[in-house]
Amino acid sequence: ALVAYGGSQCYIPLFLSCTSHFSRGSESMALQVLRALEGLKMMGKDQDRGLKVIPQTQRDLDRITRQVITAKKH
C-alpha cells in the first residue's frame, strides 16, 4: 500500500479510541520529490537557504487551492 509522507496511520472513526501510529516519512523520498520539482523548474535555487518555490509555482498552487475550496463549497 502507498503511504503518504509522514502523518497518522490510524483510520479508525473518531468515536473509537486508537493508539497513535505516526509514521516519520523518508528524508530521501522528500529529497527526491524536491529534486523532481527542481527538474520541472517549479523550484529555484536560493542564495541563502538552498531551494525555494518560484513565484509562478506559488501562483499555480494558490489557483489550485482556490479551485479546490470552491469545488468543496458547491
N, C-alpha and C. Protein backbone atom coordinates (compact mmCIF):
# COMPACT_ATOMS: atom_id res chain seq x y z
N ALA A 1 0.84 -1.19 0.00
CA ALA A 1 0.00 0.00 0.00
C ALA A 1 0.88 1.24 0.00
N LEU A 2 0.38 2.29 -0.63
CA LEU A 2 1.11 3.54 -0.65
C LEU A 2 0.91 4.27 0.67
N VAL A 3 1.95 4.85 1.18
CA VAL A 3 1.88 5.58 2.44
C VAL A 3 2.29 7.02 2.16
N ALA A 4 1.49 7.97 2.61
CA ALA A 4 1.81 9.37 2.43
C ALA A 4 3.04 9.72 3.25
N TYR A 5 3.67 10.82 2.92
CA TYR A 5 4.84 11.28 3.65
C TYR A 5 4.43 11.68 5.06
N GLY A 6 4.85 10.92 6.05
CA GLY A 6 4.53 11.22 7.44
C GLY A 6 3.04 11.06 7.71
N GLY A 7 2.59 11.57 8.84
CA GLY A 7 1.16 11.56 9.15
C GLY A 7 0.73 10.34 9.93
N SER A 8 -0.52 10.35 10.32
CA SER A 8 -1.07 9.28 11.13
C SER A 8 -1.51 8.11 10.26
N GLN A 9 -1.30 6.91 10.73
CA GLN A 9 -1.69 5.71 10.01
C GLN A 9 -3.01 5.14 10.53
N CYS A 10 -3.66 5.83 11.46
CA CYS A 10 -4.87 5.33 12.09
C CYS A 10 -6.10 5.85 11.35
N TYR A 11 -6.89 4.95 10.79
CA TYR A 11 -8.07 5.34 10.03
C TYR A 11 -9.36 4.88 10.71
N ILE A 12 -9.33 4.67 12.02
CA ILE A 12 -10.49 4.24 12.78
C ILE A 12 -11.36 5.47 13.03
N PRO A 13 -12.70 5.35 12.96
CA PRO A 13 -13.57 6.51 13.21
C PRO A 13 -13.27 7.17 14.54
N LEU A 14 -13.63 8.45 14.64
CA LEU A 14 -13.28 9.25 15.81
C LEU A 14 -13.89 8.74 17.11
N PHE A 15 -15.05 8.08 17.05
CA PHE A 15 -15.67 7.65 18.30
C PHE A 15 -14.97 6.43 18.91
N LEU A 16 -14.09 5.79 18.18
CA LEU A 16 -13.29 4.69 18.73
C LEU A 16 -11.91 5.22 19.08
N SER A 17 -11.35 4.70 20.15
CA SER A 17 -10.02 5.17 20.51
C SER A 17 -8.97 4.27 19.86
N CYS A 18 -7.87 4.85 19.52
CA CYS A 18 -6.77 4.07 18.96
C CYS A 18 -5.46 4.73 19.35
N THR A 19 -4.44 3.95 19.39
CA THR A 19 -3.13 4.49 19.70
C THR A 19 -2.59 5.21 18.47
N SER A 20 -1.70 6.12 18.70
CA SER A 20 -1.10 6.88 17.61
C SER A 20 -0.11 6.00 16.87
N HIS A 21 -0.22 5.99 15.56
CA HIS A 21 0.72 5.25 14.72
C HIS A 21 1.40 6.20 13.76
N PHE A 22 1.88 7.32 14.31
CA PHE A 22 2.52 8.33 13.47
C PHE A 22 3.73 7.71 12.79
N SER A 23 3.86 7.99 11.52
CA SER A 23 4.97 7.44 10.74
C SER A 23 5.83 8.58 10.21
N ARG A 24 7.09 8.56 10.55
CA ARG A 24 8.01 9.57 10.04
C ARG A 24 8.34 9.21 8.59
N GLY A 25 8.19 10.18 7.71
CA GLY A 25 8.45 9.94 6.29
C GLY A 25 9.94 9.83 6.00
N SER A 26 10.25 9.28 4.88
CA SER A 26 11.62 9.09 4.45
C SER A 26 12.21 10.41 3.98
N GLU A 27 13.37 10.79 4.53
CA GLU A 27 14.03 12.01 4.10
C GLU A 27 14.50 11.89 2.66
N SER A 28 14.94 10.71 2.27
CA SER A 28 15.42 10.54 0.90
C SER A 28 14.27 10.71 -0.09
N MET A 29 13.07 10.27 0.29
CA MET A 29 11.92 10.45 -0.59
C MET A 29 11.59 11.93 -0.73
N ALA A 30 11.65 12.67 0.37
CA ALA A 30 11.38 14.11 0.31
C ALA A 30 12.40 14.80 -0.59
N LEU A 31 13.66 14.40 -0.49
CA LEU A 31 14.69 14.99 -1.35
C LEU A 31 14.46 14.64 -2.81
N GLN A 32 14.02 13.43 -3.09
CA GLN A 32 13.73 13.04 -4.47
C GLN A 32 12.59 13.89 -5.04
N VAL A 33 11.58 14.14 -4.22
CA VAL A 33 10.46 14.97 -4.67
C VAL A 33 10.94 16.39 -4.95
N LEU A 34 11.76 16.94 -4.05
CA LEU A 34 12.27 18.29 -4.27
C LEU A 34 13.13 18.36 -5.52
N ARG A 35 13.95 17.36 -5.76
CA ARG A 35 14.80 17.34 -6.97
C ARG A 35 13.94 17.23 -8.23
N ALA A 36 12.86 16.44 -8.15
CA ALA A 36 11.96 16.31 -9.30
C ALA A 36 11.28 17.65 -9.59
N LEU A 37 10.84 18.34 -8.53
CA LEU A 37 10.22 19.65 -8.72
C LEU A 37 11.22 20.66 -9.27
N GLU A 38 12.46 20.55 -8.83
CA GLU A 38 13.50 21.43 -9.36
C GLU A 38 13.74 21.14 -10.85
N GLY A 39 13.71 19.88 -11.22
CA GLY A 39 13.88 19.50 -12.62
C GLY A 39 12.75 20.01 -13.49
N LEU A 40 11.55 20.15 -12.92
CA LEU A 40 10.40 20.68 -13.65
C LEU A 40 10.37 22.21 -13.61
N LYS A 41 11.41 22.81 -13.06
CA LYS A 41 11.52 24.27 -12.93
C LYS A 41 10.43 24.85 -12.04
N MET A 42 9.98 24.06 -11.06
CA MET A 42 8.99 24.55 -10.11
C MET A 42 9.65 25.06 -8.83
N MET A 43 10.91 24.72 -8.64
CA MET A 43 11.70 25.18 -7.50
C MET A 43 12.92 25.89 -8.06
N GLY A 44 13.39 26.89 -7.33
CA GLY A 44 14.58 27.61 -7.75
C GLY A 44 15.62 27.60 -6.65
N LYS A 45 16.84 27.89 -7.01
CA LYS A 45 17.92 27.96 -6.04
C LYS A 45 17.86 29.30 -5.32
N ASP A 46 17.99 29.25 -4.01
CA ASP A 46 18.06 30.44 -3.18
C ASP A 46 19.49 30.58 -2.72
N GLN A 47 20.01 31.80 -2.74
CA GLN A 47 21.41 32.01 -2.37
C GLN A 47 21.70 31.62 -0.93
N ASP A 48 20.74 31.85 -0.05
CA ASP A 48 20.97 31.64 1.38
C ASP A 48 20.51 30.27 1.88
N ARG A 49 19.34 29.80 1.41
CA ARG A 49 18.71 28.64 2.04
C ARG A 49 18.61 27.41 1.16
N GLY A 50 19.13 27.41 -0.04
CA GLY A 50 19.01 26.22 -0.88
C GLY A 50 17.90 26.35 -1.90
N LEU A 51 16.80 25.62 -1.73
CA LEU A 51 15.70 25.64 -2.68
C LEU A 51 14.53 26.48 -2.18
N LYS A 52 13.82 27.11 -3.11
CA LYS A 52 12.62 27.85 -2.76
C LYS A 52 11.60 27.70 -3.89
N VAL A 53 10.34 27.92 -3.56
CA VAL A 53 9.27 27.86 -4.55
C VAL A 53 9.32 29.15 -5.36
N ILE A 54 9.34 29.03 -6.69
CA ILE A 54 9.39 30.22 -7.53
C ILE A 54 8.00 30.86 -7.58
N PRO A 55 7.92 32.16 -7.88
CA PRO A 55 6.62 32.85 -7.86
C PRO A 55 5.56 32.22 -8.77
N GLN A 56 5.92 31.77 -9.95
CA GLN A 56 4.95 31.16 -10.86
C GLN A 56 4.34 29.90 -10.23
N THR A 57 5.18 29.09 -9.58
CA THR A 57 4.69 27.89 -8.91
C THR A 57 3.75 28.26 -7.77
N GLN A 58 4.10 29.30 -7.01
CA GLN A 58 3.25 29.74 -5.90
C GLN A 58 1.89 30.19 -6.41
N ARG A 59 1.88 30.93 -7.53
CA ARG A 59 0.60 31.35 -8.13
C ARG A 59 -0.23 30.15 -8.55
N ASP A 60 0.44 29.15 -9.17
CA ASP A 60 -0.27 27.94 -9.60
C ASP A 60 -0.88 27.21 -8.40
N LEU A 61 -0.10 27.07 -7.33
CA LEU A 61 -0.60 26.38 -6.13
C LEU A 61 -1.77 27.14 -5.50
N ASP A 62 -1.67 28.47 -5.47
CA ASP A 62 -2.77 29.29 -4.94
C ASP A 62 -4.03 29.12 -5.79
N ARG A 63 -3.87 29.09 -7.12
CA ARG A 63 -5.01 28.93 -8.02
C ARG A 63 -5.67 27.57 -7.81
N ILE A 64 -4.86 26.52 -7.69
CA ILE A 64 -5.40 25.17 -7.47
C ILE A 64 -6.13 25.11 -6.13
N THR A 65 -5.56 25.74 -5.10
CA THR A 65 -6.19 25.75 -3.79
C THR A 65 -7.55 26.43 -3.85
N ARG A 66 -7.63 27.57 -4.54
CA ARG A 66 -8.92 28.26 -4.68
C ARG A 66 -9.93 27.39 -5.40
N GLN A 67 -9.49 26.67 -6.44
CA GLN A 67 -10.40 25.80 -7.19
C GLN A 67 -10.93 24.67 -6.31
N VAL A 68 -10.07 24.09 -5.48
CA VAL A 68 -10.49 23.00 -4.59
C VAL A 68 -11.48 23.52 -3.56
N ILE A 69 -11.19 24.68 -2.97
CA ILE A 69 -12.09 25.24 -1.97
C ILE A 69 -13.45 25.57 -2.59
N THR A 70 -13.43 26.14 -3.79
CA THR A 70 -14.68 26.46 -4.49
C THR A 70 -15.47 25.20 -4.81
N ALA A 71 -14.79 24.15 -5.23
CA ALA A 71 -15.46 22.89 -5.57
C ALA A 71 -16.09 22.26 -4.32
N LYS A 72 -15.44 22.39 -3.18
CA LYS A 72 -15.98 21.81 -1.94
C LYS A 72 -17.22 22.57 -1.47
N LYS A 73 -17.30 23.87 -1.76
CA LYS A 73 -18.44 24.67 -1.34
C LYS A 73 -19.69 24.33 -2.14
N HIS A 74 -19.52 23.87 -3.37
CA HIS A 74 -20.67 23.60 -4.25
C HIS A 74 -21.06 22.17 -4.24
